[in-house]
C-alpha atoms as a PDB file:
ATOM      1  CA  MET A   1      44.512  37.799 -89.577  1.00  0.00           C
ATOM      2  CA  LEU A   2      46.025  40.327 -87.055  1.00  0.00           C
ATOM      3  CA  GLU A   3      43.722  42.964 -88.197  1.00  0.00           C
ATOM      4  CA  THR A   4      40.719  40.624 -87.740  1.00  0.00           C
ATOM      5  CA  LEU A   5      41.819  40.023 -84.101  1.00  0.00           C
ATOM      6  CA  ASN A   6      42.236  43.518 -83.285  1.00  0.00           C
ATOM      7  CA  LYS A   7      38.664  44.221 -84.588  1.00  0.00           C
ATOM      8  CA  ILE A   8      37.329  41.200 -82.624  1.00  0.00           C
ATOM      9  CA  LYS A   9      38.849  42.733 -79.478  1.00  0.00           C
ATOM     10  CA  ALA A  10      37.848  46.305 -79.917  1.00  0.00           C
ATOM     11  CA  GLN A  11      34.237  45.135 -80.766  1.00  0.00           C
ATOM     12  CA  THR A  12      33.976  42.900 -77.586  1.00  0.00           C
ATOM     13  CA  VAL A  13      35.328  45.675 -75.256  1.00  0.00           C
ATOM     14  CA  ALA A  14      32.845  47.902 -76.733  1.00  0.00           C
ATOM     15  CA  ASP A  15      29.857  45.380 -76.397  1.00  0.00           C
ATOM     16  CA  LEU A  16      31.033  44.830 -72.781  1.00  0.00           C
ATOM     17  CA  GLU A  17      30.105  48.441 -71.916  1.00  0.00           C
ATOM     18  CA  THR A  18      26.493  48.078 -73.417  1.00  0.00           C
ATOM     19  CA  VAL A  19      25.721  44.709 -71.855  1.00  0.00           C
ATOM     20  CA  GLN A  20      23.076  45.179 -69.170  1.00  0.00           C
ATOM     21  CA  SER A  21      22.240  41.684 -67.854  1.00  0.00           C
ATOM     22  CA  THR A  22      23.659  38.435 -67.176  1.00  0.00           C
ATOM     23  CA  PRO A  23      22.040  36.586 -70.346  1.00  0.00           C
ATOM     24  CA  GLU A  24      23.221  39.073 -72.675  1.00  0.00           C
ATOM     25  CA  LEU A  25      26.749  38.649 -71.315  1.00  0.00           C
ATOM     26  CA  GLU A  26      26.585  35.033 -71.694  1.00  0.00           C
ATOM     27  CA  ALA A  27      25.487  35.353 -75.258  1.00  0.00           C
ATOM     28  CA  LEU A  28      28.509  37.567 -75.921  1.00  0.00           C
ATOM     29  CA  LEU A  29      30.668  35.084 -74.137  1.00  0.00           C
ATOM     30  CA  VAL A  30      29.508  32.148 -76.574  1.00  0.00           C
ATOM     31  CA  LYS A  31      29.790  34.527 -79.663  1.00  0.00           C
ATOM     32  CA  VAL A  32      33.435  35.386 -78.948  1.00  0.00           C
ATOM     33  CA  LEU A  33      35.110  32.565 -76.846  1.00  0.00           C
ATOM     34  CA  GLY A  34      32.636  29.776 -77.387  1.00  0.00           C
ATOM     35  CA  LYS A  35      33.351  26.478 -79.469  1.00  0.00           C
ATOM     36  CA  LYS A  36      32.116  28.183 -82.440  1.00  0.00           C
ATOM     37  CA  GLY A  37      33.065  31.612 -81.345  1.00  0.00           C
ATOM     38  CA  GLU A  38      35.157  34.236 -83.287  1.00  0.00           C
ATOM     39  CA  LEU A  39      38.401  33.691 -81.764  1.00  0.00           C
ATOM     40  CA  THR A  40      38.008  29.884 -81.847  1.00  0.00           C
ATOM     41  CA  ALA A  41      37.427  30.172 -85.553  1.00  0.00           C
ATOM     42  CA  LEU A  42      40.706  32.265 -85.884  1.00  0.00           C
ATOM     43  CA  LEU A  43      42.729  29.577 -83.995  1.00  0.00           C
ATOM     44  CA  LYS A  44      41.329  27.014 -86.467  1.00  0.00           C
ATOM     45  CA  SER A  45      42.398  28.955 -89.420  1.00  0.00           C
ATOM     46  CA  LEU A  46      46.024  29.262 -88.351  1.00  0.00           C
ATOM     47  CA  GLY A  47      46.780  26.332 -90.594  1.00  0.00           C
ATOM     48  CA  THR A  48      46.359  28.758 -93.591  1.00  0.00           C
ATOM     49  CA  LEU A  49      49.362  30.675 -92.345  1.00  0.00           C
ATOM     50  CA  PRO A  50      52.901  30.073 -93.276  1.00  0.00           C
ATOM     51  CA  GLN A  51      54.884  27.824 -90.810  1.00  0.00           C
ATOM     52  CA  GLU A  52      57.165  30.524 -89.283  1.00  0.00           C
ATOM     53  CA  GLU A  53      53.905  32.880 -88.606  1.00  0.00           C
ATOM     54  CA  ARG A  54      51.776  30.456 -86.855  1.00  0.00           C
ATOM     55  CA  PRO A  55      53.582  30.551 -83.290  1.00  0.00           C
ATOM     56  CA  GLN A  56      53.512  34.319 -83.278  1.00  0.00           C
ATOM     57  CA  MET A  57      49.746  34.430 -84.211  1.00  0.00           C
ATOM     58  CA  GLY A  58      48.658  31.739 -82.007  1.00  0.00           C
ATOM     59  CA  ALA A  59      50.212  33.590 -78.970  1.00  0.00           C
ATOM     60  CA  ALA A  60      48.411  36.968 -80.079  1.00  0.00           C
ATOM     61  CA  ILE A  61      45.265  34.925 -80.338  1.00  0.00           C
ATOM     62  CA  ASN A  62      45.640  33.565 -76.834  1.00  0.00           C
ATOM     63  CA  ASP A  63      46.829  36.847 -75.244  1.00  0.00           C
ATOM     64  CA  VAL A  64      43.705  38.457 -76.608  1.00  0.00           C
ATOM     65  CA  ARG A  65      41.350  35.458 -75.202  1.00  0.00           C
ATOM     66  CA  LYS A  66      42.881  35.781 -71.751  1.00  0.00           C
ATOM     67  CA  ALA A  67      42.498  39.505 -71.728  1.00  0.00           C
ATOM     68  CA  LEU A  68      38.756  39.356 -72.910  1.00  0.00           C
ATOM     69  CA  GLN A  69      38.120  36.431 -70.528  1.00  0.00           C
ATOM     70  CA  GLU A  70      39.286  38.654 -67.504  1.00  0.00           C
ATOM     71  CA  GLN A  71      37.246  41.748 -68.706  1.00  0.00           C
ATOM     72  CA  ILE A  72      34.155  39.184 -69.037  1.00  0.00           C
ATOM     73  CA  ASP A  73      34.711  37.960 -65.540  1.00  0.00           C
ATOM     74  CA  ARG A  74      34.835  41.370 -64.158  1.00  0.00           C
ATOM     75  CA  ARG A  75      31.734  42.493 -66.086  1.00  0.00           C
ATOM     76  CA  ALA A  76      29.894  39.282 -64.876  1.00  0.00           C
ATOM     77  CA  GLN A  77      30.738  40.323 -61.206  1.00  0.00           C
ATOM     78  CA  GLU A  78      29.301  43.831 -61.741  1.00  0.00           C
ATOM     79  CA  LEU A  79      26.147  42.720 -63.334  1.00  0.00           C
ATOM     80  CA  LYS A  80      25.523  40.004 -60.623  1.00  0.00           C
ATOM     81  CA  ALA A  81      25.940  42.818 -57.960  1.00  0.00           C
ATOM     82  CA  LYS A  82      23.696  45.029 -59.757  1.00  0.00           C
ATOM     83  CA  GLU A  83      21.023  42.369 -60.320  1.00  0.00           C
ATOM     84  CA  ARG A  84      21.090  41.290 -56.555  1.00  0.00           C
ATOM     85  CA  ASN A  85      20.456  44.818 -55.404  1.00  0.00           C
ATOM     86  CA  GLU A  86      17.686  45.177 -57.807  1.00  0.00           C
ATOM     87  CA  ALA A  87      16.075  41.913 -56.395  1.00  0.00           C
ATOM     88  CA  LEU A  88      16.704  42.975 -52.890  1.00  0.00           C
ATOM     89  CA  LYS A  89      14.759  46.176 -53.547  1.00  0.00           C
ATOM     90  CA  LEU A  90      11.863  44.438 -55.210  1.00  0.00           C
ATOM     91  CA  GLU A  91      11.730  42.045 -51.984  1.00  0.00           C
ATOM     92  CA  ALA A  92      12.199  44.692 -49.420  1.00  0.00           C
ATOM     93  CA  ILE A  93       9.305  44.686 -46.895  1.00  0.00           C
ATOM     94  CA  ASP A  94       8.049  47.849 -45.445  1.00  0.00           C
ATOM     95  CA  VAL A  95       7.281  46.742 -41.757  1.00  0.00           C
ATOM     96  CA  THR A  96       5.295  50.030 -41.490  1.00  0.00           C
ATOM     97  CA  GLU A  97       2.811  49.103 -44.334  1.00  0.00           C
ATOM     98  CA  PRO A  98      -0.643  47.967 -42.824  1.00  0.00           C
ATOM     99  CA  ARG A  99      -1.426  44.587 -43.631  1.00  0.00           C
ATOM    100  CA  PRO A 100      -4.370  42.386 -43.317  1.00  0.00           C
ATOM    101  CA  LEU A 101      -4.250  40.140 -40.147  1.00  0.00           C
ATOM    102  CA  PRO A 102      -3.832  36.439 -40.847  1.00  0.00           C
ATOM    103  CA  LYS A 103      -6.689  34.138 -40.419  1.00  0.00           C
ATOM    104  CA  ARG A 104      -6.523  32.595 -36.917  1.00  0.00           C
ATOM    105  CA  GLY A 105      -7.153  28.985 -36.190  1.00  0.00           C
ATOM    106  CA  SER A 106      -9.051  27.439 -33.593  1.00  0.00           C
ATOM    107  CA  ALA A 107      -9.486  24.075 -31.871  1.00  0.00           C
ATOM    108  CA  HIS A 108     -11.903  21.566 -33.243  1.00  0.00           C
ATOM    109  CA  PRO A 109     -14.991  21.169 -30.856  1.00  0.00           C
ATOM    110  CA  ILE A 110     -14.270  17.694 -30.228  1.00  0.00           C
ATOM    111  CA  THR A 111     -10.814  18.538 -28.898  1.00  0.00           C
ATOM    112  CA  ILE A 112     -12.152  21.290 -26.911  1.00  0.00           C
ATOM    113  CA  VAL A 113     -14.602  19.121 -25.166  1.00  0.00           C
ATOM    114  CA  MET A 114     -12.053  16.471 -24.869  1.00  0.00           C
ATOM    115  CA  ASN A 115      -9.419  18.691 -23.264  1.00  0.00           C
ATOM    116  CA  GLU A 116     -12.119  19.998 -20.718  1.00  0.00           C
ATOM    117  CA  MET A 117     -13.036  16.643 -19.646  1.00  0.00           C
ATOM    118  CA  ILE A 118      -9.544  15.459 -19.274  1.00  0.00           C
ATOM    119  CA  GLU A 119      -8.798  18.273 -17.238  1.00  0.00           C
ATOM    120  CA  CYS A 120     -11.917  17.420 -14.959  1.00  0.00           C
ATOM    121  CA  PHE A 121     -11.038  13.867 -14.402  1.00  0.00           C
ATOM    122  CA  THR A 122      -7.217  14.371 -14.070  1.00  0.00           C
ATOM    123  CA  GLY A 123      -8.182  17.043 -11.316  1.00  0.00           C
ATOM    124  CA  MET A 124     -10.025  14.164  -9.596  1.00  0.00           C
ATOM    125  CA  GLY A 125      -7.086  12.048  -9.416  1.00  0.00           C
ATOM    126  CA  PHE A 126      -7.632   9.913 -13.043  1.00  0.00           C
ATOM    127  CA  GLU A 127      -4.794   9.022 -15.315  1.00  0.00           C
ATOM    128  CA  VAL A 128      -5.143   9.355 -19.083  1.00  0.00           C
ATOM    129  CA  VAL A 129      -4.653   6.091 -20.921  1.00  0.00           C
ATOM    130  CA  GLN A 130      -4.754   5.393 -24.689  1.00  0.00           C
ATOM    131  CA  GLY A 131      -4.361   2.369 -26.730  1.00  0.00           C
ATOM    132  CA  PRO A 132      -4.706   0.745 -30.390  1.00  0.00           C
ATOM    133  CA  GLU A 133      -7.718   1.625 -32.460  1.00  0.00           C
ATOM    134  CA  VAL A 134      -7.072  -1.823 -34.127  1.00  0.00           C
ATOM    135  CA  GLU A 135      -7.842  -4.289 -31.344  1.00  0.00           C
ATOM    136  CA  LEU A 136      -7.994  -7.943 -30.610  1.00  0.00           C
ATOM    137  CA  ASP A 137     -11.412  -9.515 -30.172  1.00  0.00           C
ATOM    138  CA  HIS A 138      -9.994 -10.897 -26.981  1.00  0.00           C
ATOM    139  CA  TYR A 139      -9.783  -7.020 -25.426  1.00  0.00           C
ATOM    140  CA  ASN A 140     -12.645  -5.644 -27.211  1.00  0.00           C
ATOM    141  CA  PHE A 141     -15.474  -8.213 -26.486  1.00  0.00           C
ATOM    142  CA  GLU A 142     -14.387 -11.269 -24.373  1.00  0.00           C
ATOM    143  CA  LEU A 143     -12.775  -9.633 -21.381  1.00  0.00           C
ATOM    144  CA  MET A 144     -15.799  -7.256 -21.398  1.00  0.00           C
ATOM    145  CA  ASN A 145     -17.910  -9.984 -20.890  1.00  0.00           C
ATOM    146  CA  ILE A 146     -19.170 -10.381 -24.280  1.00  0.00           C
ATOM    147  CA  PRO A 147     -18.232 -14.022 -25.543  1.00  0.00           C
ATOM    148  CA  LYS A 148     -18.488 -14.983 -28.946  1.00  0.00           C
ATOM    149  CA  ASN A 149     -22.232 -15.589 -30.302  1.00  0.00           C
ATOM    150  CA  HIS A 150     -23.333 -13.266 -27.526  1.00  0.00           C
ATOM    151  CA  PRO A 151     -26.279 -11.198 -28.474  1.00  0.00           C
ATOM    152  CA  ALA A 152     -24.807  -8.013 -27.320  1.00  0.00           C
ATOM    153  CA  ARG A 153     -22.319  -8.316 -30.461  1.00  0.00           C
ATOM    154  CA  ASP A 154     -25.023  -7.708 -32.672  1.00  0.00           C
ATOM    155  CA  ALA A 155     -25.843  -4.437 -31.280  1.00  0.00           C
ATOM    156  CA  GLN A 156     -22.090  -3.332 -31.805  1.00  0.00           C
ATOM    157  CA  ASP A 157     -22.389  -3.339 -35.465  1.00  0.00           C
ATOM    158  CA  THR A 158     -18.757  -4.201 -35.509  1.00  0.00           C
ATOM    159  CA  LEU A 159     -15.992  -3.668 -38.491  1.00  0.00           C
ATOM    160  CA  TYR A 160     -13.923  -6.704 -38.388  1.00  0.00           C
ATOM    161  CA  ILE A 161     -10.636  -6.896 -40.086  1.00  0.00           C
ATOM    162  CA  ASP A 162     -10.660 -10.813 -39.608  1.00  0.00           C
ATOM    163  CA  ASP A 163     -12.132 -13.197 -37.136  1.00  0.00           C
ATOM    164  CA  ASN A 164     -10.021 -11.994 -34.353  1.00  0.00           C
ATOM    165  CA  VAL A 165      -9.208  -8.536 -35.099  1.00  0.00           C
ATOM    166  CA  VAL A 166     -11.715  -5.545 -35.069  1.00  0.00           C
ATOM    167  CA  LEU A 167     -11.789  -1.734 -35.233  1.00  0.00           C
ATOM    168  CA  ARG A 168     -12.562  -1.094 -31.590  1.00  0.00           C
ATOM    169  CA  THR A 169     -16.211  -0.379 -31.035  1.00  0.00           C
ATOM    170  CA  HIS A 170     -15.567   1.476 -27.596  1.00  0.00           C
ATOM    171  CA  THR A 171     -12.406   2.361 -25.602  1.00  0.00           C
ATOM    172  CA  SER A 172     -13.351  -0.082 -22.896  1.00  0.00           C
ATOM    173  CA  PRO A 173     -10.386  -2.452 -24.108  1.00  0.00           C
ATOM    174  CA  MET A 174      -8.081  -0.238 -22.551  1.00  0.00           C
ATOM    175  CA  GLN A 175      -9.681  -0.791 -19.044  1.00  0.00           C
ATOM    176  CA  ALA A 176      -8.982  -4.671 -19.660  1.00  0.00           C
ATOM    177  CA  ARG A 177      -5.453  -3.831 -20.644  1.00  0.00           C
ATOM    178  CA  VAL A 178      -4.874  -1.773 -17.463  1.00  0.00           C
ATOM    179  CA  MET A 179      -6.566  -4.197 -15.193  1.00  0.00           C
ATOM    180  CA  LEU A 180      -4.303  -7.043 -16.649  1.00  0.00           C
ATOM    181  CA  SER A 181      -1.072  -5.046 -16.232  1.00  0.00           C
ATOM    182  CA  ARG A 182      -1.415  -3.546 -12.966  1.00  0.00           C
ATOM    183  CA  LYS A 183      -3.036  -4.063  -9.349  1.00  0.00           C
ATOM    184  CA  PRO A 184      -5.638  -1.703  -7.784  1.00  0.00           C
ATOM    185  CA  PRO A 185      -6.035   1.193  -7.027  1.00  0.00           C
ATOM    186  CA  ILE A 186      -6.954   1.988 -10.612  1.00  0.00           C
ATOM    187  CA  ARG A 187      -8.201   5.373 -11.638  1.00  0.00           C
ATOM    188  CA  ILE A 188      -8.190   5.871 -15.399  1.00  0.00           C
ATOM    189  CA  VAL A 189      -9.935   7.735 -18.343  1.00  0.00           C
ATOM    190  CA  CYS A 190      -9.539   6.287 -21.902  1.00  0.00           C
ATOM    191  CA  PRO A 191     -10.310   8.906 -24.660  1.00  0.00           C
ATOM    192  CA  GLY A 192     -10.263   8.148 -28.154  1.00  0.00           C
ATOM    193  CA  ARG A 193     -11.795   7.256 -31.599  1.00  0.00           C
ATOM    194  CA  VAL A 194     -14.077   4.273 -31.949  1.00  0.00           C
ATOM    195  CA  TYR A 195     -16.075   2.615 -34.973  1.00  0.00           C
ATOM    196  CA  ARG A 196     -19.294   1.018 -35.749  1.00  0.00           C
ATOM    197  CA  ALA A 197     -20.780  -0.130 -39.172  1.00  0.00           C
ATOM    198  CA  ASP A 198     -23.038   2.685 -39.300  1.00  0.00           C
ATOM    199  CA  GLU A 199     -24.559   4.531 -42.239  1.00  0.00           C
ATOM    200  CA  VAL A 200     -23.561   8.251 -42.462  1.00  0.00           C
ATOM    201  CA  ASP A 201     -26.439  10.563 -41.646  1.00  0.00           C
ATOM    202  CA  ALA A 202     -27.040  13.825 -39.485  1.00  0.00           C
ATOM    203  CA  THR A 203     -26.752  11.589 -36.143  1.00  0.00           C
ATOM    204  CA  HIS A 204     -24.614   8.653 -37.164  1.00  0.00           C
ATOM    205  CA  SER A 205     -21.183   8.034 -38.343  1.00  0.00           C
ATOM    206  CA  PRO A 206     -18.856   4.921 -38.783  1.00  0.00           C
ATOM    207  CA  VAL A 207     -16.153   6.841 -36.655  1.00  0.00           C
ATOM    208  CA  PHE A 208     -16.920   8.816 -33.438  1.00  0.00           C
ATOM    209  CA  HIS A 209     -15.409   9.652 -30.143  1.00  0.00           C
ATOM    210  CA  GLN A 210     -15.617   8.269 -26.599  1.00  0.00           C
ATOM    211  CA  MET A 211     -14.052   8.762 -23.256  1.00  0.00           C
ATOM    212  CA  GLU A 212     -14.642   5.728 -20.813  1.00  0.00           C
ATOM    213  CA  GLY A 213     -13.555   5.848 -17.133  1.00  0.00           C
ATOM    214  CA  LEU A 214     -12.779   3.094 -14.696  1.00  0.00           C
ATOM    215  CA  VAL A 215     -12.140   3.001 -10.950  1.00  0.00           C
ATOM    216  CA  VAL A 216     -11.149  -0.177  -9.186  1.00  0.00           C
ATOM    217  CA  ASP A 217     -10.302  -0.434  -5.423  1.00  0.00           C
ATOM    218  CA  GLU A 218     -11.591  -1.632  -2.051  1.00  0.00           C
ATOM    219  CA  HIS A 219     -15.055  -0.353  -1.081  1.00  0.00           C
ATOM    220  CA  ILE A 220     -16.207   1.199  -4.139  1.00  0.00           C
ATOM    221  CA  SER A 221     -19.778   1.905  -4.517  1.00  0.00           C
ATOM    222  CA  MET A 222     -22.530   3.127  -6.648  1.00  0.00           C
ATOM    223  CA  ALA A 223     -22.418   6.235  -4.258  1.00  0.00           C
ATOM    224  CA  ASP A 224     -18.813   6.924  -5.594  1.00  0.00           C
ATOM    225  CA  LEU A 225     -19.964   6.636  -9.266  1.00  0.00           C
ATOM    226  CA  ARG A 226     -22.634   9.205  -8.753  1.00  0.00           C
ATOM    227  CA  GLY A 227     -20.461  11.409  -6.904  1.00  0.00           C
ATOM    228  CA  THR A 228     -17.868  11.292  -9.617  1.00  0.00           C
ATOM    229  CA  LEU A 229     -20.371  11.750 -12.378  1.00  0.00           C
ATOM    230  CA  THR A 230     -22.091  14.803 -10.472  1.00  0.00           C
ATOM    231  CA  ALA A 231     -18.567  16.417 -10.266  1.00  0.00           C
ATOM    232  CA  PHE A 232     -18.185  15.853 -14.027  1.00  0.00           C
ATOM    233  CA  ALA A 233     -21.590  17.370 -14.820  1.00  0.00           C
ATOM    234  CA  LYS A 234     -21.221  20.357 -13.138  1.00  0.00           C
ATOM    235  CA  HIS A 235     -17.769  20.826 -14.527  1.00  0.00           C
ATOM    236  CA  VAL A 236     -18.710  20.791 -17.885  1.00  0.00           C
ATOM    237  CA  TYR A 237     -22.389  22.095 -17.763  1.00  0.00           C
ATOM    238  CA  GLY A 238     -22.229  24.405 -14.762  1.00  0.00           C
ATOM    239  CA  PRO A 239     -23.073  24.514 -11.089  1.00  0.00           C
ATOM    240  CA  ASP A 240     -26.857  24.233 -11.586  1.00  0.00           C
ATOM    241  CA  VAL A 241     -27.356  20.853 -13.315  1.00  0.00           C
ATOM    242  CA  SER A 242     -28.481  17.627 -11.992  1.00  0.00           C
ATOM    243  CA  ILE A 243     -28.086  14.092 -12.780  1.00  0.00           C
ATOM    244  CA  ARG A 244     -30.378  11.110 -12.399  1.00  0.00           C
ATOM    245  CA  PHE A 245     -29.799   7.322 -13.000  1.00  0.00           C
ATOM    246  CA  ARG A 246     -32.094   5.033 -14.919  1.00  0.00           C
ATOM    247  CA  PRO A 247     -31.745   1.179 -14.862  1.00  0.00           C
ATOM    248  CA  GLY A 248     -29.789  -0.213 -17.973  1.00  0.00           C
ATOM    249  CA  PHE A 249     -27.909  -3.069 -19.226  1.00  0.00           C
ATOM    250  CA  PHE A 250     -24.426  -3.507 -20.252  1.00  0.00           C
ATOM    251  CA  PRO A 251     -22.745  -6.821 -20.390  1.00  0.00           C
ATOM    252  CA  PHE A 252     -19.610  -5.395 -18.380  1.00  0.00           C
ATOM    253  CA  THR A 253     -21.314  -3.742 -15.626  1.00  0.00           C
ATOM    254  CA  GLU A 254     -23.801  -4.968 -12.857  1.00  0.00           C
ATOM    255  CA  PRO A 255     -26.027  -3.221 -12.027  1.00  0.00           C
ATOM    256  CA  SER A 256     -25.876  -0.762 -14.769  1.00  0.00           C
ATOM    257  CA  ALA A 257     -27.370   2.662 -15.301  1.00  0.00           C
ATOM    258  CA  GLU A 258     -28.261   5.067 -17.918  1.00  0.00           C
ATOM    259  CA  VAL A 259     -27.378   8.610 -16.639  1.00  0.00           C
ATOM    260  CA  ASP A 260     -29.399  11.890 -17.774  1.00  0.00           C
ATOM    261  CA  LEU A 261     -28.679  15.431 -17.123  1.00  0.00           C
ATOM    262  CA  THR A 262     -30.734  18.425 -16.755  1.00  0.00           C
ATOM    263  CA  CYS A 263     -31.378  19.946 -20.046  1.00  0.00           C
ATOM    264  CA  PRO A 264     -28.903  22.634 -20.615  1.00  0.00           C
ATOM    265  CA  ALA A 265     -31.419  24.336 -22.896  1.00  0.00           C
ATOM    266  CA  CYS A 266     -34.348  24.720 -21.081  1.00  0.00           C
ATOM    267  CA  LYS A 267     -32.857  24.154 -17.396  1.00  0.00           C
ATOM    268  CA  GLY A 268     -35.102  21.258 -16.972  1.00  0.00           C
ATOM    269  CA  LYS A 269     -38.319  23.086 -17.983  1.00  0.00           C
ATOM    270  CA  GLY A 270     -39.041  21.082 -21.165  1.00  0.00           C
ATOM    271  CA  CYS A 271     -38.099  21.927 -24.600  1.00  0.00           C
ATOM    272  CA  SER A 272     -37.571  20.530 -28.100  1.00  0.00           C
ATOM    273  CA  VAL A 273     -34.062  19.894 -27.350  1.00  0.00           C
ATOM    274  CA  CYS A 274     -35.048  17.355 -24.658  1.00  0.00           C
ATOM    275  CA  LYS A 275     -38.437  16.393 -26.141  1.00  0.00           C
ATOM    276  CA  GLY A 276     -40.369  18.122 -23.233  1.00  0.00           C
ATOM    277  CA  THR A 277     -38.709  15.719 -20.545  1.00  0.00           C
ATOM    278  CA  GLY A 278     -36.506  18.427 -19.246  1.00  0.00           C
ATOM    279  CA  TRP A 279     -33.666  15.706 -19.226  1.00  0.00           C
ATOM    280  CA  ILE A 280     -31.100  14.528 -21.744  1.00  0.00           C
ATOM    281  CA  GLU A 281     -29.085  11.108 -21.969  1.00  0.00           C
ATOM    282  CA  ILE A 282     -25.574  11.735 -21.682  1.00  0.00           C
ATOM    283  CA  LEU A 283     -23.757   8.425 -20.961  1.00  0.00           C
ATOM    284  CA  GLY A 284     -24.073   4.772 -19.640  1.00  0.00           C
ATOM    285  CA  SER A 285     -22.294   3.491 -16.473  1.00  0.00           C
ATOM    286  CA  GLY A 286     -22.392   1.010 -13.691  1.00  0.00           C
ATOM    287  CA  MET A 287     -20.461  -1.337 -11.316  1.00  0.00           C
ATOM    288  CA  VAL A 288     -17.906  -3.282 -12.824  1.00  0.00           C
ATOM    289  CA  ASN A 289     -19.303  -6.929 -13.367  1.00  0.00           C
ATOM    290  CA  PRO A 290     -17.365  -9.210 -10.925  1.00  0.00           C
ATOM    291  CA  LYS A 291     -16.618 -11.698 -13.788  1.00  0.00           C
ATOM    292  CA  VAL A 292     -14.926  -8.927 -15.706  1.00  0.00           C
ATOM    293  CA  LEU A 293     -12.553  -8.274 -12.571  1.00  0.00           C
ATOM    294  CA  GLU A 294     -12.040 -11.953 -12.140  1.00  0.00           C
ATOM    295  CA  MET A 295     -11.170 -12.306 -16.087  1.00  0.00           C
ATOM    296  CA  CYS A 296      -8.736  -9.658 -15.604  1.00  0.00           C
ATOM    297  CA  GLY A 297      -7.120 -11.504 -12.496  1.00  0.00           C
ATOM    298  CA  ILE A 298      -8.597  -8.890  -9.889  1.00  0.00           C
ATOM    299  CA  ASP A 299     -10.149 -10.594  -6.852  1.00  0.00           C
ATOM    300  CA  SER A 300     -13.704  -9.647  -6.963  1.00  0.00           C
ATOM    301  CA  LYS A 301     -14.363 -10.318  -3.251  1.00  0.00           C
ATOM    302  CA  LYS A 302     -11.687  -7.844  -2.239  1.00  0.00           C
ATOM    303  CA  TYR A 303     -12.018  -5.167  -4.912  1.00  0.00           C
ATOM    304  CA  SER A 304     -15.021  -3.544  -6.603  1.00  0.00           C
ATOM    305  CA  GLY A 305     -15.318  -0.701  -9.290  1.00  0.00           C
ATOM    306  CA  PHE A 306     -17.162   1.340 -11.637  1.00  0.00           C
ATOM    307  CA  ALA A 307     -17.226   2.338 -15.342  1.00  0.00           C
ATOM    308  CA  PHE A 308     -18.788   4.699 -17.420  1.00  0.00           C
ATOM    309  CA  GLY A 309     -18.508   5.882 -21.241  1.00  0.00           C
ATOM    310  CA  VAL A 310     -19.204   9.446 -22.616  1.00  0.00           C
ATOM    311  CA  GLY A 311     -20.029  10.227 -26.213  1.00  0.00           C
ATOM    312  CA  LEU A 312     -17.778  13.454 -26.886  1.00  0.00           C
ATOM    313  CA  ASP A 313     -19.535  14.139 -30.321  1.00  0.00           C
ATOM    314  CA  ARG A 314     -22.839  14.343 -28.536  1.00  0.00           C
ATOM    315  CA  ILE A 315     -21.605  16.712 -25.942  1.00  0.00           C
ATOM    316  CA  ALA A 316     -19.875  18.907 -28.590  1.00  0.00           C
ATOM    317  CA  MET A 317     -23.012  19.012 -30.729  1.00  0.00           C
ATOM    318  CA  GLY A 318     -25.041  19.961 -27.780  1.00  0.00           C
ATOM    319  CA  ARG A 319     -22.880  22.481 -26.507  1.00  0.00           C
ATOM    320  CA  TYR A 320     -22.298  24.275 -29.891  1.00  0.00           C
ATOM    321  CA  ASP A 321     -25.794  23.563 -31.066  1.00  0.00           C
ATOM    322  CA  ILE A 322     -24.547  21.665 -33.952  1.00  0.00           C
ATOM    323  CA  HIS A 323     -27.426  19.514 -35.622  1.00  0.00           C
ATOM    324  CA  ASP A 324     -25.556  17.524 -38.194  1.00  0.00           C
ATOM    325  CA  LEU A 325     -22.834  15.173 -36.997  1.00  0.00           C
ATOM    326  CA  ARG A 326     -21.060  15.242 -40.334  1.00  0.00           C
ATOM    327  CA  LEU A 327     -20.084  18.894 -39.769  1.00  0.00           C
ATOM    328  CA  LEU A 328     -17.603  17.573 -37.126  1.00  0.00           C
ATOM    329  CA  PHE A 329     -15.802  15.325 -39.496  1.00  0.00           C
ATOM    330  CA  GLU A 330     -15.777  17.358 -42.870  1.00  0.00           C
ATOM    331  CA  GLY A 331     -12.905  19.816 -41.902  1.00  0.00           C
ATOM    332  CA  ASP A 332     -14.835  23.068 -42.889  1.00  0.00           C
ATOM    333  CA  ALA A 333     -12.972  25.807 -41.716  1.00  0.00           C
ATOM    334  CA  ARG A 334     -15.882  28.120 -41.645  1.00  0.00           C
ATOM    335  CA  LEU A 335     -17.427  25.898 -38.849  1.00  0.00           C
ATOM    336  CA  LEU A 336     -14.366  26.513 -36.761  1.00  0.00           C
ATOM    337  CA  GLY A 337     -14.349  30.254 -37.272  1.00  0.00           C
ATOM    338  CA  GLN A 338     -17.950  30.585 -36.034  1.00  0.00           C
ATOM    339  CA  LEU A 339     -16.792  28.737 -32.919  1.00  0.00           C
ATOM    340  CA  ARG A 340     -14.019  30.977 -31.874  1.00  0.00           C
END
């Protein structure tokens, strides 16, 4: 048995010199010191020896086990260091090697237009406010002078969650919320997503973007509205554009006006974009209906105001010559790449 023990030790020491990887070393460890290993088998066979020889042989086996375990541990450290160095060599980065430039992202057209308009209006003293997209009927319609069963509700194509909760059809609810929570003077713009029950096609979407504005103070007139919108148009479209007002109707403004802009494509000469008129419609506006002011707790005899609403998607499509509204919502990186 002692001869077998010495052979196991000698063979294991020799094998340790040839082991070149951690898996090979683990296999050798199991072979020699494992539960079914060679040394374990020797220990189990001690019962075949005479009683007086067992202690001496058991001690010899344990000494060999301890010595081999120490050598295996040292070899394990050597192999780990070797493998770590090899891995570092493979993972090394040559900072001088030419590499293709990473693809650059860009802001979405609607984000660009929204930020530009926010910059324009905040420069005129407006405050940016935002509110919930899931809105109460009370704010979305009733405080905008659109009571239940009013014909104007049919034109909104509203998406109802229940009888009193809707996906907002415009950002005007924030105008009501602000008028209810503070006293004039008020000068705000409300950008955000709005929802209508429209079929998806090149010019319609159930979700789109608006920015609405509101000013309430003493002695506010249509002249203030026209001056504000003229400054906005020149900031967004350039100093050579003009605007015109056409009579319109909105329940929450009186009088109301549709606002047209000199066609940016033909500079007012007439083209396919403006259908030969030289003008394109960009927004709706008007003086805040006194009834809306009163419902929001503002004295309509002392204060007046104006409001307007701009479609951000329409402006983005016109600026970037996008003819299909769906392109703005599909997330195709190729579109953004073309707009950089």
